[in-house]
Amino acid sequence: MPTRFLILSLLLPTAVRADDISYEVNVRPILKAHCFQCHGERSSTEANLDLRLRRFIVKGGDSGPAIVPGDAKASRLIQRVVDGEMPPDEDKRLSRRDIEILSRWVNVKAPTARPEPEKL
């Protein structure tokens, strides 16, 4: 690879490949920064939706499952962030890149890097 292409490739943001994506590495940091305040860090969660583990996200809350593994378009979580409904605080809205990562994760069936703990 010529040097100029190597330098250019180091300067460009790296895309998250679908086969390298996991809840712990790619998704949890986004949800922690934007969503856990209402959906996981308190003793009670808004709409009974806890986003701290994949199985809680699939189970969902008052509105039903938050994601449909393998189908981001049918996933409430993705619809709500794309529509700008969530998070309600405009300063905490997800970036286009964050939404893309969440969508990819859901589309590849929402993998985890390791088995989830039985208890939190």
PDB file of N, CA and C in Angstrom:
ATOM      1  N   MET A   1       0.850  -1.171   0.000  1.00  0.00           N
ATOM      2  CA  MET A   1       0.000   0.000   0.000  1.00  0.00           C
ATOM      3  C   MET A   1       0.897   1.236   0.000  1.00  0.00           C
ATOM      4  N   PRO A   2       0.701   2.152  -0.928  1.00  0.00           N
ATOM      5  CA  PRO A   2       1.508   3.375  -0.932  1.00  0.00           C
ATOM      6  C   PRO A   2       1.313   4.152   0.365  1.00  0.00           C
ATOM      7  N   THR A   3       2.360   4.864   0.760  1.00  0.00           N
ATOM      8  CA  THR A   3       2.357   5.577   2.030  1.00  0.00           C
ATOM      9  C   THR A   3       1.186   6.550   2.159  1.00  0.00           C
ATOM     10  N   ARG A   4       0.875   7.285   1.095  1.00  0.00           N
ATOM     11  CA  ARG A   4      -0.199   8.283   1.207  1.00  0.00           C
ATOM     12  C   ARG A   4      -1.548   7.625   1.494  1.00  0.00           C
ATOM     13  N   PHE A   5      -1.777   6.419   0.962  1.00  0.00           N
ATOM     14  CA  PHE A   5      -3.031   5.722   1.236  1.00  0.00           C
ATOM     15  C   PHE A   5      -3.060   5.183   2.668  1.00  0.00           C
ATOM     16  N   LEU A   6      -1.909   4.752   3.153  1.00  0.00           N
ATOM     17  CA  LEU A   6      -1.832   4.281   4.526  1.00  0.00           C
ATOM     18  C   LEU A   6      -2.124   5.423   5.486  1.00  0.00           C
ATOM     19  N   ILE A   7      -1.533   6.574   5.260  1.00  0.00           N
ATOM     20  CA  ILE A   7      -1.763   7.741   6.113  1.00  0.00           C
ATOM     21  C   ILE A   7      -3.226   8.159   6.053  1.00  0.00           C
ATOM     22  N   LEU A   8      -3.791   8.186   4.853  1.00  0.00           N
ATOM     23  CA  LEU A   8      -5.188   8.554   4.692  1.00  0.00           C
ATOM     24  C   LEU A   8      -6.096   7.573   5.431  1.00  0.00           C
ATOM     25  N   SER A   9      -5.801   6.293   5.328  1.00  0.00           N
ATOM     26  CA  SER A   9      -6.644   5.297   5.998  1.00  0.00           C
ATOM     27  C   SER A   9      -6.551   5.427   7.518  1.00  0.00           C
ATOM     28  N   LEU A  10      -5.428   5.880   8.047  1.00  0.00           N
ATOM     29  CA  LEU A  10      -5.289   6.076   9.480  1.00  0.00           C
ATOM     30  C   LEU A  10      -6.062   7.307   9.959  1.00  0.00           C
ATOM     31  N   LEU A  11      -6.254   8.273   9.072  1.00  0.00           N
ATOM     32  CA  LEU A  11      -6.960   9.495   9.433  1.00  0.00           C
ATOM     33  C   LEU A  11      -8.472   9.356   9.343  1.00  0.00           C
ATOM     34  N   LEU A  12      -8.943   8.447   8.522  1.00  0.00           N
ATOM     35  CA  LEU A  12     -10.380   8.272   8.358  1.00  0.00           C
ATOM     36  C   LEU A  12     -10.961   7.489   9.522  1.00  0.00           C
ATOM     37  N   PRO A  13     -12.193   7.841   9.961  1.00  0.00           N
ATOM     38  CA  PRO A  13     -12.792   7.059  11.041  1.00  0.00           C
ATOM     39  C   PRO A  13     -13.043   5.637  10.580  1.00  0.00           C
ATOM     40  N   THR A  14     -12.833   4.712  11.472  1.00  0.00           N
ATOM     41  CA  THR A  14     -13.037   3.317  11.096  1.00  0.00           C
ATOM     42  C   THR A  14     -14.502   2.947  11.275  1.00  0.00           C
ATOM     43  N   ALA A  15     -15.026   2.227  10.334  1.00  0.00           N
ATOM     44  CA  ALA A  15     -16.414   1.764  10.410  1.00  0.00           C
ATOM     45  C   ALA A  15     -16.459   0.500  11.251  1.00  0.00           C
ATOM     46  N   VAL A  16     -17.539   0.316  11.924  1.00  0.00           N
ATOM     47  CA  VAL A  16     -17.725  -0.902  12.698  1.00  0.00           C
ATOM     48  C   VAL A  16     -18.280  -1.956  11.762  1.00  0.00           C
ATOM     49  N   ARG A  17     -17.532  -3.030  11.583  1.00  0.00           N
ATOM     50  CA  ARG A  17     -17.988  -4.114  10.707  1.00  0.00           C
ATOM     51  C   ARG A  17     -19.071  -4.902  11.415  1.00  0.00           C
ATOM     52  N   ALA A  18     -20.019  -5.379  10.643  1.00  0.00           N
ATOM     53  CA  ALA A  18     -21.144  -6.119  11.209  1.00  0.00           C
ATOM     54  C   ALA A  18     -20.686  -7.335  12.001  1.00  0.00           C
ATOM     55  N   ASP A  19     -19.629  -8.006  11.556  1.00  0.00           N
ATOM     56  CA  ASP A  19     -19.192  -9.213  12.260  1.00  0.00           C
ATOM     57  C   ASP A  19     -18.335  -8.890  13.489  1.00  0.00           C
ATOM     58  N   ASP A  20     -18.025  -7.615  13.711  1.00  0.00           N
ATOM     59  CA  ASP A  20     -17.227  -7.215  14.864  1.00  0.00           C
ATOM     60  C   ASP A  20     -18.047  -6.480  15.919  1.00  0.00           C
ATOM     61  N   ILE A  21     -19.326  -6.400  15.746  1.00  0.00           N
ATOM     62  CA  ILE A  21     -20.145  -5.586  16.626  1.00  0.00           C
ATOM     63  C   ILE A  21     -20.704  -6.432  17.771  1.00  0.00           C
ATOM     64  N   SER A  22     -20.726  -5.837  18.964  1.00  0.00           N
ATOM     65  CA  SER A  22     -21.321  -6.524  20.113  1.00  0.00           C
ATOM     66  C   SER A  22     -21.944  -5.486  21.038  1.00  0.00           C
ATOM     67  N   TYR A  23     -22.811  -5.959  21.884  1.00  0.00           N
ATOM     68  CA  TYR A  23     -23.472  -5.076  22.839  1.00  0.00           C
ATOM     69  C   TYR A  23     -22.436  -4.394  23.735  1.00  0.00           C
ATOM     70  N   GLU A  24     -21.557  -5.179  24.341  1.00  0.00           N
ATOM     71  CA  GLU A  24     -20.629  -4.649  25.331  1.00  0.00           C
ATOM     72  C   GLU A  24     -19.674  -3.610  24.759  1.00  0.00           C
ATOM     73  N   VAL A  25     -19.143  -3.865  23.581  1.00  0.00           N
ATOM     74  CA  VAL A  25     -18.118  -2.998  23.005  1.00  0.00           C
ATOM     75  C   VAL A  25     -18.714  -1.791  22.282  1.00  0.00           C
ATOM     76  N   ASN A  26     -19.754  -1.992  21.505  1.00  0.00           N
ATOM     77  CA  ASN A  26     -20.255  -0.947  20.629  1.00  0.00           C
ATOM     78  C   ASN A  26     -21.555  -0.286  21.068  1.00  0.00           C
ATOM     79  N   VAL A  27     -22.454  -1.052  21.641  1.00  0.00           N
ATOM     80  CA  VAL A  27     -23.806  -0.552  21.920  1.00  0.00           C
ATOM     81  C   VAL A  27     -23.939  -0.014  23.340  1.00  0.00           C
ATOM     82  N   ARG A  28     -23.463  -0.743  24.314  1.00  0.00           N
ATOM     83  CA  ARG A  28     -23.612  -0.319  25.708  1.00  0.00           C
ATOM     84  C   ARG A  28     -23.058   1.082  25.955  1.00  0.00           C
ATOM     85  N   PRO A  29     -21.890   1.454  25.433  1.00  0.00           N
ATOM     86  CA  PRO A  29     -21.392   2.819  25.666  1.00  0.00           C
ATOM     87  C   PRO A  29     -22.349   3.903  25.139  1.00  0.00           C
ATOM     88  N   ILE A  30     -23.001   3.632  24.020  1.00  0.00           N
ATOM     89  CA  ILE A  30     -23.958   4.594  23.466  1.00  0.00           C
ATOM     90  C   ILE A  30     -25.163   4.702  24.387  1.00  0.00           C
ATOM     91  N   LEU A  31     -25.711   3.560  24.782  1.00  0.00           N
ATOM     92  CA  LEU A  31     -26.885   3.565  25.641  1.00  0.00           C
ATOM     93  C   LEU A  31     -26.568   4.151  27.014  1.00  0.00           C
ATOM     94  N   LYS A  32     -25.385   3.868  27.528  1.00  0.00           N
ATOM     95  CA  LYS A  32     -24.985   4.423  28.831  1.00  0.00           C
ATOM     96  C   LYS A  32     -24.914   5.942  28.763  1.00  0.00           C
ATOM     97  N   ALA A  33     -24.374   6.478  27.706  1.00  0.00           N
ATOM     98  CA  ALA A  33     -24.231   7.927  27.568  1.00  0.00           C
ATOM     99  C   ALA A  33     -25.563   8.640  27.334  1.00  0.00           C
ATOM    100  N   HIS A  34     -26.490   7.975  26.685  1.00  0.00           N
ATOM    101  CA  HIS A  34     -27.718   8.647  26.259  1.00  0.00           C
ATOM    102  C   HIS A  34     -28.999   8.155  26.932  1.00  0.00           C
ATOM    103  N   CYS A  35     -29.019   6.936  27.463  1.00  0.00           N
ATOM    104  CA  CYS A  35     -30.293   6.320  27.853  1.00  0.00           C
ATOM    105  C   CYS A  35     -30.355   5.762  29.266  1.00  0.00           C
ATOM    106  N   PHE A  36     -29.232   5.348  29.827  1.00  0.00           N
ATOM    107  CA  PHE A  36     -29.259   4.657  31.117  1.00  0.00           C
ATOM    108  C   PHE A  36     -29.827   5.510  32.245  1.00  0.00           C
ATOM    109  N   GLN A  37     -29.722   6.831  32.154  1.00  0.00           N
ATOM    110  CA  GLN A  37     -30.219   7.684  33.225  1.00  0.00           C
ATOM    111  C   GLN A  37     -31.694   7.378  33.506  1.00  0.00           C
ATOM    112  N   CYS A  38     -32.452   7.129  32.458  1.00  0.00           N
ATOM    113  CA  CYS A  38     -33.884   6.818  32.619  1.00  0.00           C
ATOM    114  C   CYS A  38     -34.185   5.327  32.488  1.00  0.00           C
ATOM    115  N   HIS A  39     -33.318   4.604  31.810  1.00  0.00           N
ATOM    116  CA  HIS A  39     -33.598   3.195  31.502  1.00  0.00           C
ATOM    117  C   HIS A  39     -32.501   2.272  32.015  1.00  0.00           C
ATOM    118  N   GLY A  40     -32.214   2.359  33.328  1.00  0.00           N
ATOM    119  CA  GLY A  40     -31.264   1.406  33.859  1.00  0.00           C
ATOM    120  C   GLY A  40     -30.515   1.799  35.111  1.00  0.00           C
ATOM    121  N   GLU A  41     -30.221   3.063  35.325  1.00  0.00           N
ATOM    122  CA  GLU A  41     -29.398   3.435  36.479  1.00  0.00           C
ATOM    123  C   GLU A  41     -30.198   3.669  37.743  1.00  0.00           C
ATOM    124  N   ARG A  42     -31.467   3.913  37.614  1.00  0.00           N
ATOM    125  CA  ARG A  42     -32.319   4.163  38.782  1.00  0.00           C
ATOM    126  C   ARG A  42     -32.958   2.869  39.265  1.00  0.00           C
ATOM    127  N   SER A  43     -33.510   2.924  40.469  1.00  0.00           N
ATOM    128  CA  SER A  43     -34.189   1.730  40.982  1.00  0.00           C
ATOM    129  C   SER A  43     -35.474   1.452  40.199  1.00  0.00           C
ATOM    130  N   SER A  44     -36.088   2.486  39.644  1.00  0.00           N
ATOM    131  CA  SER A  44     -37.234   2.273  38.752  1.00  0.00           C
ATOM    132  C   SER A  44     -36.859   2.817  37.376  1.00  0.00           C
ATOM    133  N   THR A  45     -37.369   2.186  36.347  1.00  0.00           N
ATOM    134  CA  THR A  45     -37.031   2.601  34.992  1.00  0.00           C
ATOM    135  C   THR A  45     -38.253   3.190  34.303  1.00  0.00           C
ATOM    136  N   GLU A  46     -38.022   4.171  33.453  1.00  0.00           N
ATOM    137  CA  GLU A  46     -39.101   4.769  32.674  1.00  0.00           C
ATOM    138  C   GLU A  46     -39.717   3.696  31.783  1.00  0.00           C
ATOM    139  N   ALA A  47     -41.027   3.629  31.766  1.00  0.00           N
ATOM    140  CA  ALA A  47     -41.793   2.696  30.925  1.00  0.00           C
ATOM    141  C   ALA A  47     -41.385   1.235  31.151  1.00  0.00           C
ATOM    142  N   ASN A  48     -40.807   0.965  32.314  1.00  0.00           N
ATOM    143  CA  ASN A  48     -40.351  -0.396  32.649  1.00  0.00           C
ATOM    144  C   ASN A  48     -39.373  -0.960  31.627  1.00  0.00           C
ATOM    145  N   LEU A  49     -38.605  -0.084  30.999  1.00  0.00           N
ATOM    146  CA  LEU A  49     -37.619  -0.506  30.001  1.00  0.00           C
ATOM    147  C   LEU A  49     -36.217  -0.354  30.571  1.00  0.00           C
ATOM    148  N   ASP A  50     -35.528  -1.469  30.694  1.00  0.00           N
ATOM    149  CA  ASP A  50     -34.158  -1.514  31.192  1.00  0.00           C
ATOM    150  C   ASP A  50     -33.258  -1.862  30.009  1.00  0.00           C
ATOM    151  N   LEU A  51     -32.276  -1.003  29.732  1.00  0.00           N
ATOM    152  CA  LEU A  51     -31.396  -1.207  28.576  1.00  0.00           C
ATOM    153  C   LEU A  51     -30.018  -1.738  28.960  1.00  0.00           C
ATOM    154  N   ARG A  52     -29.846  -2.179  30.193  1.00  0.00           N
ATOM    155  CA  ARG A  52     -28.515  -2.592  30.652  1.00  0.00           C
ATOM    156  C   ARG A  52     -28.048  -3.942  30.144  1.00  0.00           C
ATOM    157  N   LEU A  53     -28.950  -4.804  29.712  1.00  0.00           N
ATOM    158  CA  LEU A  53     -28.569  -6.102  29.149  1.00  0.00           C
ATOM    159  C   LEU A  53     -29.381  -6.366  27.893  1.00  0.00           C
ATOM    160  N   ARG A  54     -28.815  -7.145  26.982  1.00  0.00           N
ATOM    161  CA  ARG A  54     -29.496  -7.473  25.731  1.00  0.00           C
ATOM    162  C   ARG A  54     -30.854  -8.125  25.986  1.00  0.00           C
ATOM    163  N   ARG A  55     -30.879  -9.070  26.903  1.00  0.00           N
ATOM    164  CA  ARG A  55     -32.142  -9.781  27.127  1.00  0.00           C
ATOM    165  C   ARG A  55     -33.228  -8.852  27.656  1.00  0.00           C
ATOM    166  N   PHE A  56     -32.853  -7.808  28.411  1.00  0.00           N
ATOM    167  CA  PHE A  56     -33.828  -6.826  28.871  1.00  0.00           C
ATOM    168  C   PHE A  56     -34.344  -5.994  27.698  1.00  0.00           C
ATOM    169  N   ILE A  57     -33.460  -5.689  26.757  1.00  0.00           N
ATOM    170  CA  ILE A  57     -33.834  -4.889  25.594  1.00  0.00           C
ATOM    171  C   ILE A  57     -34.807  -5.672  24.715  1.00  0.00           C
ATOM    172  N   VAL A  58     -34.515  -6.947  24.516  1.00  0.00           N
ATOM    173  CA  VAL A  58     -35.409  -7.796  23.712  1.00  0.00           C
ATOM    174  C   VAL A  58     -36.759  -7.923  24.413  1.00  0.00           C
ATOM    175  N   LYS A  59     -36.747  -8.138  25.715  1.00  0.00           N
ATOM    176  CA  LYS A  59     -37.995  -8.247  26.483  1.00  0.00           C
ATOM    177  C   LYS A  59     -38.794  -6.953  26.371  1.00  0.00           C
ATOM    178  N   GLY A  60     -38.100  -5.819  26.485  1.00  0.00           N
ATOM    179  CA  GLY A  60     -38.754  -4.529  26.365  1.00  0.00           C
ATOM    180  C   GLY A  60     -39.416  -4.057  27.633  1.00  0.00           C
ATOM    181  N   GLY A  61     -40.370  -3.147  27.450  1.00  0.00           N
ATOM    182  CA  GLY A  61     -41.056  -2.548  28.594  1.00  0.00           C
ATOM    183  C   GLY A  61     -42.544  -2.473  28.334  1.00  0.00           C
ATOM    184  N   ASP A  62     -43.151  -1.391  28.776  1.00  0.00           N
ATOM    185  CA  ASP A  62     -44.596  -1.214  28.651  1.00  0.00           C
ATOM    186  C   ASP A  62     -45.087  -1.266  27.202  1.00  0.00           C
ATOM    187  N   SER A  63     -44.257  -0.844  26.266  1.00  0.00           N
ATOM    188  CA  SER A  63     -44.654  -0.817  24.846  1.00  0.00           C
ATOM    189  C   SER A  63     -44.336  -2.109  24.107  1.00  0.00           C
ATOM    190  N   GLY A  64     -43.767  -3.092  24.803  1.00  0.00           N
ATOM    191  CA  GLY A  64     -43.394  -4.346  24.160  1.00  0.00           C
ATOM    192  C   GLY A  64     -41.902  -4.414  23.922  1.00  0.00           C
ATOM    193  N   PRO A  65     -41.454  -5.373  23.115  1.00  0.00           N
ATOM    194  CA  PRO A  65     -40.018  -5.538  22.843  1.00  0.00           C
ATOM    195  C   PRO A  65     -39.411  -4.250  22.279  1.00  0.00           C
ATOM    196  N   ALA A  66     -38.216  -3.898  22.766  1.00  0.00           N
ATOM    197  CA  ALA A  66     -37.546  -2.693  22.277  1.00  0.00           C
ATOM    198  C   ALA A  66     -36.841  -2.947  20.951  1.00  0.00           C
ATOM    199  N   ILE A  67     -36.381  -4.186  20.748  1.00  0.00           N
ATOM    200  CA  ILE A  67     -35.752  -4.535  19.469  1.00  0.00           C
ATOM    201  C   ILE A  67     -36.296  -5.866  18.963  1.00  0.00           C
ATOM    202  N   VAL A  68     -36.197  -6.031  17.663  1.00  0.00           N
ATOM    203  CA  VAL A  68     -36.490  -7.305  17.004  1.00  0.00           C
ATOM    204  C   VAL A  68     -35.164  -7.739  16.392  1.00  0.00           C
ATOM    205  N   PRO A  69     -34.417  -8.639  17.063  1.00  0.00           N
ATOM    206  CA  PRO A  69     -33.119  -9.040  16.527  1.00  0.00           C
ATOM    207  C   PRO A  69     -33.223  -9.490  15.072  1.00  0.00           C
ATOM    208  N   GLY A  70     -32.393  -8.861  14.230  1.00  0.00           N
ATOM    209  CA  GLY A  70     -32.406  -9.162  12.806  1.00  0.00           C
ATOM    210  C   GLY A  70     -33.230  -8.179  11.987  1.00  0.00           C
ATOM    211  N   ASP A  71     -33.948  -7.258  12.646  1.00  0.00           N
ATOM    212  CA  ASP A  71     -34.825  -6.339  11.910  1.00  0.00           C
ATOM    213  C   ASP A  71     -34.883  -4.967  12.583  1.00  0.00           C
ATOM    214  N   ALA A  72     -33.913  -4.124  12.270  1.00  0.00           N
ATOM    215  CA  ALA A  72     -33.860  -2.786  12.868  1.00  0.00           C
ATOM    216  C   ALA A  72     -35.087  -1.956  12.523  1.00  0.00           C
ATOM    217  N   LYS A  73     -35.608  -2.106  11.312  1.00  0.00           N
ATOM    218  CA  LYS A  73     -36.769  -1.311  10.903  1.00  0.00           C
ATOM    219  C   LYS A  73     -37.998  -1.627  11.752  1.00  0.00           C
ATOM    220  N   ALA A  74     -38.104  -2.827  12.273  1.00  0.00           N
ATOM    221  CA  ALA A  74     -39.244  -3.219  13.098  1.00  0.00           C
ATOM    222  C   ALA A  74     -38.978  -2.999  14.591  1.00  0.00           C
ATOM    223  N   SER A  75     -37.836  -2.440  14.931  1.00  0.00           N
ATOM    224  CA  SER A  75     -37.442  -2.271  16.328  1.00  0.00           C
ATOM    225  C   SER A  75     -37.829  -0.897  16.859  1.00  0.00           C
ATOM    226  N   ARG A  76     -38.621  -0.902  17.943  1.00  0.00           N
ATOM    227  CA  ARG A  76     -39.081   0.358  18.549  1.00  0.00           C
ATOM    228  C   ARG A  76     -37.927   1.257  18.957  1.00  0.00           C
ATOM    229  N   LEU A  77     -36.894   0.671  19.534  1.00  0.00           N
ATOM    230  CA  LEU A  77     -35.750   1.461  19.977  1.00  0.00           C
ATOM    231  C   LEU A  77     -35.166   2.260  18.818  1.00  0.00           C
ATOM    232  N   ILE A  78     -34.957   1.609  17.696  1.00  0.00           N
ATOM    233  CA  ILE A  78     -34.388   2.282  16.530  1.00  0.00           C
ATOM    234  C   ILE A  78     -35.360   3.348  16.010  1.00  0.00           C
ATOM    235  N   GLN A  79     -36.633   3.014  15.907  1.00  0.00           N
ATOM    236  CA  GLN A  79     -37.626   3.985  15.426  1.00  0.00           C
ATOM    237  C   GLN A  79     -37.649   5.228  16.293  1.00  0.00           C
ATOM    238  N   ARG A  80     -37.605   5.044  17.610  1.00  0.00           N
ATOM    239  CA  ARG A  80     -37.705   6.184  18.524  1.00  0.00           C
ATOM    240  C   ARG A  80     -36.485   7.097  18.447  1.00  0.00           C
ATOM    241  N   VAL A  81     -35.282   6.524  18.283  1.00  0.00           N
ATOM    242  CA  VAL A  81     -34.098   7.392  18.188  1.00  0.00           C
ATOM    243  C   VAL A  81     -34.010   8.046  16.808  1.00  0.00           C
ATOM    244  N   VAL A  82     -34.408   7.335  15.772  1.00  0.00           N
ATOM    245  CA  VAL A  82     -34.395   7.917  14.421  1.00  0.00           C
ATOM    246  C   VAL A  82     -35.384   9.075  14.341  1.00  0.00           C
ATOM    247  N   ASP A  83     -36.566   8.901  14.921  1.00  0.00           N
ATOM    248  CA  ASP A  83     -37.586   9.948  14.897  1.00  0.00           C
ATOM    249  C   ASP A  83     -37.280  11.108  15.833  1.00  0.00           C
ATOM    250  N   GLY A  84     -36.239  10.978  16.652  1.00  0.00           N
ATOM    251  CA  GLY A  84     -35.877  12.036  17.593  1.00  0.00           C
ATOM    252  C   GLY A  84     -36.766  12.081  18.822  1.00  0.00           C
ATOM    253  N   GLU A  85     -37.554  11.033  19.041  1.00  0.00           N
ATOM    254  CA  GLU A  85     -38.421  10.979  20.217  1.00  0.00           C
ATOM    255  C   GLU A  85     -37.624  10.644  21.480  1.00  0.00           C
ATOM    256  N   MET A  86     -36.569   9.884  21.300  1.00  0.00           N
ATOM    257  CA  MET A  86     -35.736   9.472  22.414  1.00  0.00           C
ATOM    258  C   MET A  86     -34.280   9.721  22.067  1.00  0.00           C
ATOM    259  N   PRO A  87     -33.505  10.100  23.012  1.00  0.00           N
ATOM    260  CA  PRO A  87     -33.908  10.562  24.323  1.00  0.00           C
ATOM    261  C   PRO A  87     -34.637  11.905  24.221  1.00  0.00           C
ATOM    262  N   PRO A  88     -35.502  12.215  25.191  1.00  0.00           N
ATOM    263  CA  PRO A  88     -36.294  13.432  25.098  1.00  0.00           C
ATOM    264  C   PRO A  88     -35.465  14.717  25.208  1.00  0.00           C
ATOM    265  N   ASP A  89     -34.335  14.641  25.878  1.00  0.00           N
ATOM    266  CA  ASP A  89     -33.449  15.804  26.021  1.00  0.00           C
ATOM    267  C   ASP A  89     -32.654  15.993  24.729  1.00  0.00           C
ATOM    268  N   GLU A  90     -32.852  17.104  24.068  1.00  0.00           N
ATOM    269  CA  GLU A  90     -32.175  17.351  22.778  1.00  0.00           C
ATOM    270  C   GLU A  90     -30.661  17.289  22.888  1.00  0.00           C
ATOM    271  N   ASP A  91     -30.117  17.645  24.035  1.00  0.00           N
ATOM    272  CA  ASP A  91     -28.664  17.598  24.221  1.00  0.00           C
ATOM    273  C   ASP A  91     -28.127  16.180  24.281  1.00  0.00           C
ATOM    274  N   LYS A  92     -28.988  15.205  24.482  1.00  0.00           N
ATOM    275  CA  LYS A  92     -28.557  13.807  24.578  1.00  0.00           C
ATOM    276  C   LYS A  92     -28.899  13.008  23.329  1.00  0.00           C
ATOM    277  N   ARG A  93     -29.429  13.639  22.296  1.00  0.00           N
ATOM    278  CA  ARG A  93     -29.815  12.918  21.077  1.00  0.00           C
ATOM    279  C   ARG A  93     -28.618  12.179  20.495  1.00  0.00           C
ATOM    280  N   LEU A  94     -28.899  11.061  19.880  1.00  0.00           N
ATOM    281  CA  LEU A  94     -27.845  10.238  19.294  1.00  0.00           C
ATOM    282  C   LEU A  94     -27.388  10.806  17.956  1.00  0.00           C
ATOM    283  N   SER A  95     -26.120  10.644  17.687  1.00  0.00           N
ATOM    284  CA  SER A  95     -25.577  11.071  16.397  1.00  0.00           C
ATOM    285  C   SER A  95     -25.993  10.072  15.317  1.00  0.00           C
ATOM    286  N   ARG A  96     -25.840  10.463  14.097  1.00  0.00           N
ATOM    287  CA  ARG A  96     -26.134   9.571  12.970  1.00  0.00           C
ATOM    288  C   ARG A  96     -25.283   8.299  13.083  1.00  0.00           C
ATOM    289  N   ARG A  97     -24.036   8.449  13.470  1.00  0.00           N
ATOM    290  CA  ARG A  97     -23.139   7.291  13.605  1.00  0.00           C
ATOM    291  C   ARG A  97     -23.621   6.352  14.709  1.00  0.00           C
ATOM    292  N   ASP A  98     -24.047   6.913  15.838  1.00  0.00           N
ATOM    293  CA  ASP A  98     -24.556   6.088  16.930  1.00  0.00           C
ATOM    294  C   ASP A  98     -25.793   5.303  16.489  1.00  0.00           C
ATOM    295  N   ILE A  99     -26.681   5.956  15.769  1.00  0.00           N
ATOM    296  CA  ILE A  99     -27.892   5.285  15.279  1.00  0.00           C
ATOM    297  C   ILE A  99     -27.518   4.192  14.287  1.00  0.00           C
ATOM    298  N   GLU A 100     -26.526   4.458  13.463  1.00  0.00           N
ATOM    299  CA  GLU A 100     -26.062   3.448  12.503  1.00  0.00           C
ATOM    300  C   GLU A 100     -25.504   2.227  13.231  1.00  0.00           C
ATOM    301  N   ILE A 101     -24.743   2.447  14.285  1.00  0.00           N
ATOM    302  CA  ILE A 101     -24.184   1.339  15.066  1.00  0.00           C
ATOM    303  C   ILE A 101     -25.304   0.524  15.712  1.00  0.00           C
ATOM    304  N   LEU A 102     -26.268   1.202  16.329  1.00  0.00           N
ATOM    305  CA  LEU A 102     -27.393   0.487  16.940  1.00  0.00           C
ATOM    306  C   LEU A 102     -28.148  -0.326  15.899  1.00  0.00           C
ATOM    307  N   SER A 103     -28.390   0.272  14.743  1.00  0.00           N
ATOM    308  CA  SER A 103     -29.128  -0.419  13.677  1.00  0.00           C
ATOM    309  C   SER A 103     -28.371  -1.633  13.171  1.00  0.00           C
ATOM    310  N   ARG A 104     -27.067  -1.491  12.972  1.00  0.00           N
ATOM    311  CA  ARG A 104     -26.265  -2.640  12.527  1.00  0.00           C
ATOM    312  C   ARG A 104     -26.301  -3.756  13.553  1.00  0.00           C
ATOM    313  N   TRP A 105     -26.174  -3.386  14.804  1.00  0.00           N
ATOM    314  CA  TRP A 105     -26.198  -4.379  15.882  1.00  0.00           C
ATOM    315  C   TRP A 105     -27.512  -5.158  15.864  1.00  0.00           C
ATOM    316  N   VAL A 106     -28.612  -4.458  15.756  1.00  0.00           N
ATOM    317  CA  VAL A 106     -29.915  -5.126  15.712  1.00  0.00           C
ATOM    318  C   VAL A 106     -30.018  -5.989  14.460  1.00  0.00           C
ATOM    319  N   ASN A 107     -29.589  -5.469  13.315  1.00  0.00           N
ATOM    320  CA  ASN A 107     -29.698  -6.211  12.055  1.00  0.00           C
ATOM    321  C   ASN A 107     -28.891  -7.499  12.030  1.00  0.00           C
ATOM    322  N   VAL A 108     -27.801  -7.556  12.803  1.00  0.00           N
ATOM    323  CA  VAL A 108     -27.010  -8.797  12.865  1.00  0.00           C
ATOM    324  C   VAL A 108     -27.403  -9.630  14.088  1.00  0.00           C
ATOM    325  N   LYS A 109     -28.636  -9.437  14.533  1.00  0.00           N
ATOM    326  CA  LYS A 109     -29.270 -10.215  15.603  1.00  0.00           C
ATOM    327  C   LYS A 109     -28.765  -9.893  16.997  1.00  0.00           C
ATOM    328  N   ALA A 110     -28.250  -8.666  17.166  1.00  0.00           N
ATOM    329  CA  ALA A 110     -27.912  -8.135  18.492  1.00  0.00           C
ATOM    330  C   ALA A 110     -26.983  -9.038  19.298  1.00  0.00           C
ATOM    331  N   PRO A 111     -25.790  -9.323  18.791  1.00  0.00           N
ATOM    332  CA  PRO A 111     -24.886 -10.221  19.523  1.00  0.00           C
ATOM    333  C   PRO A 111     -24.283  -9.597  20.776  1.00  0.00           C
ATOM    334  N   THR A 112     -23.912 -10.468  21.699  1.00  0.00           N
ATOM    335  CA  THR A 112     -23.147 -10.069  22.880  1.00  0.00           C
ATOM    336  C   THR A 112     -21.766 -10.699  22.756  1.00  0.00           C
ATOM    337  N   ALA A 113     -20.794 -10.119  23.422  1.00  0.00           N
ATOM    338  CA  ALA A 113     -19.427 -10.632  23.370  1.00  0.00           C
ATOM    339  C   ALA A 113     -19.263 -11.881  24.224  1.00  0.00           C
ATOM    340  N   ARG A 114     -20.112 -12.016  25.230  1.00  0.00           N
ATOM    341  CA  ARG A 114     -20.036 -13.143  26.155  1.00  0.00           C
ATOM    342  C   ARG A 114     -21.422 -13.354  26.765  1.00  0.00           C
ATOM    343  N   PRO A 115     -21.633 -14.489  27.414  1.00  0.00           N
ATOM    344  CA  PRO A 115     -22.934 -14.710  28.064  1.00  0.00           C
ATOM    345  C   PRO A 115     -23.218 -13.609  29.101  1.00  0.00           C
ATOM    346  N   GLU A 116     -24.468 -13.221  29.175  1.00  0.00           N
ATOM    347  CA  GLU A 116     -24.855 -12.166  30.116  1.00  0.00           C
ATOM    348  C   GLU A 116     -24.977 -12.734  31.532  1.00  0.00           C
ATOM    349  N   PRO A 117     -24.734 -11.875  32.538  1.00  0.00           N
ATOM    350  CA  PRO A 117     -24.875 -12.353  33.917  1.00  0.00           C
ATOM    351  C   PRO A 117     -26.337 -12.673  34.227  1.00  0.00           C
ATOM    352  N   GLU A 118     -26.537 -13.637  35.095  1.00  0.00           N
ATOM    353  CA  GLU A 118     -27.900 -14.015  35.501  1.00  0.00           C
ATOM    354  C   GLU A 118     -28.546 -12.899  36.322  1.00  0.00           C
ATOM    355  N   LYS A 119     -27.742 -12.246  37.183  1.00  0.00           N
ATOM    356  CA  LYS A 119     -28.233 -11.180  38.053  1.00  0.00           C
ATOM    357  C   LYS A 119     -27.381  -9.939  37.857  1.00  0.00           C
ATOM    358  N   LEU A 120     -27.987  -8.802  38.100  1.00  0.00           N
ATOM    359  CA  LEU A 120     -27.227  -7.543  38.054  1.00  0.00           C
ATOM    360  C   LEU A 120     -26.815  -7.112  39.439  1.00  0.00           C
TER     361      LEU A 120
END
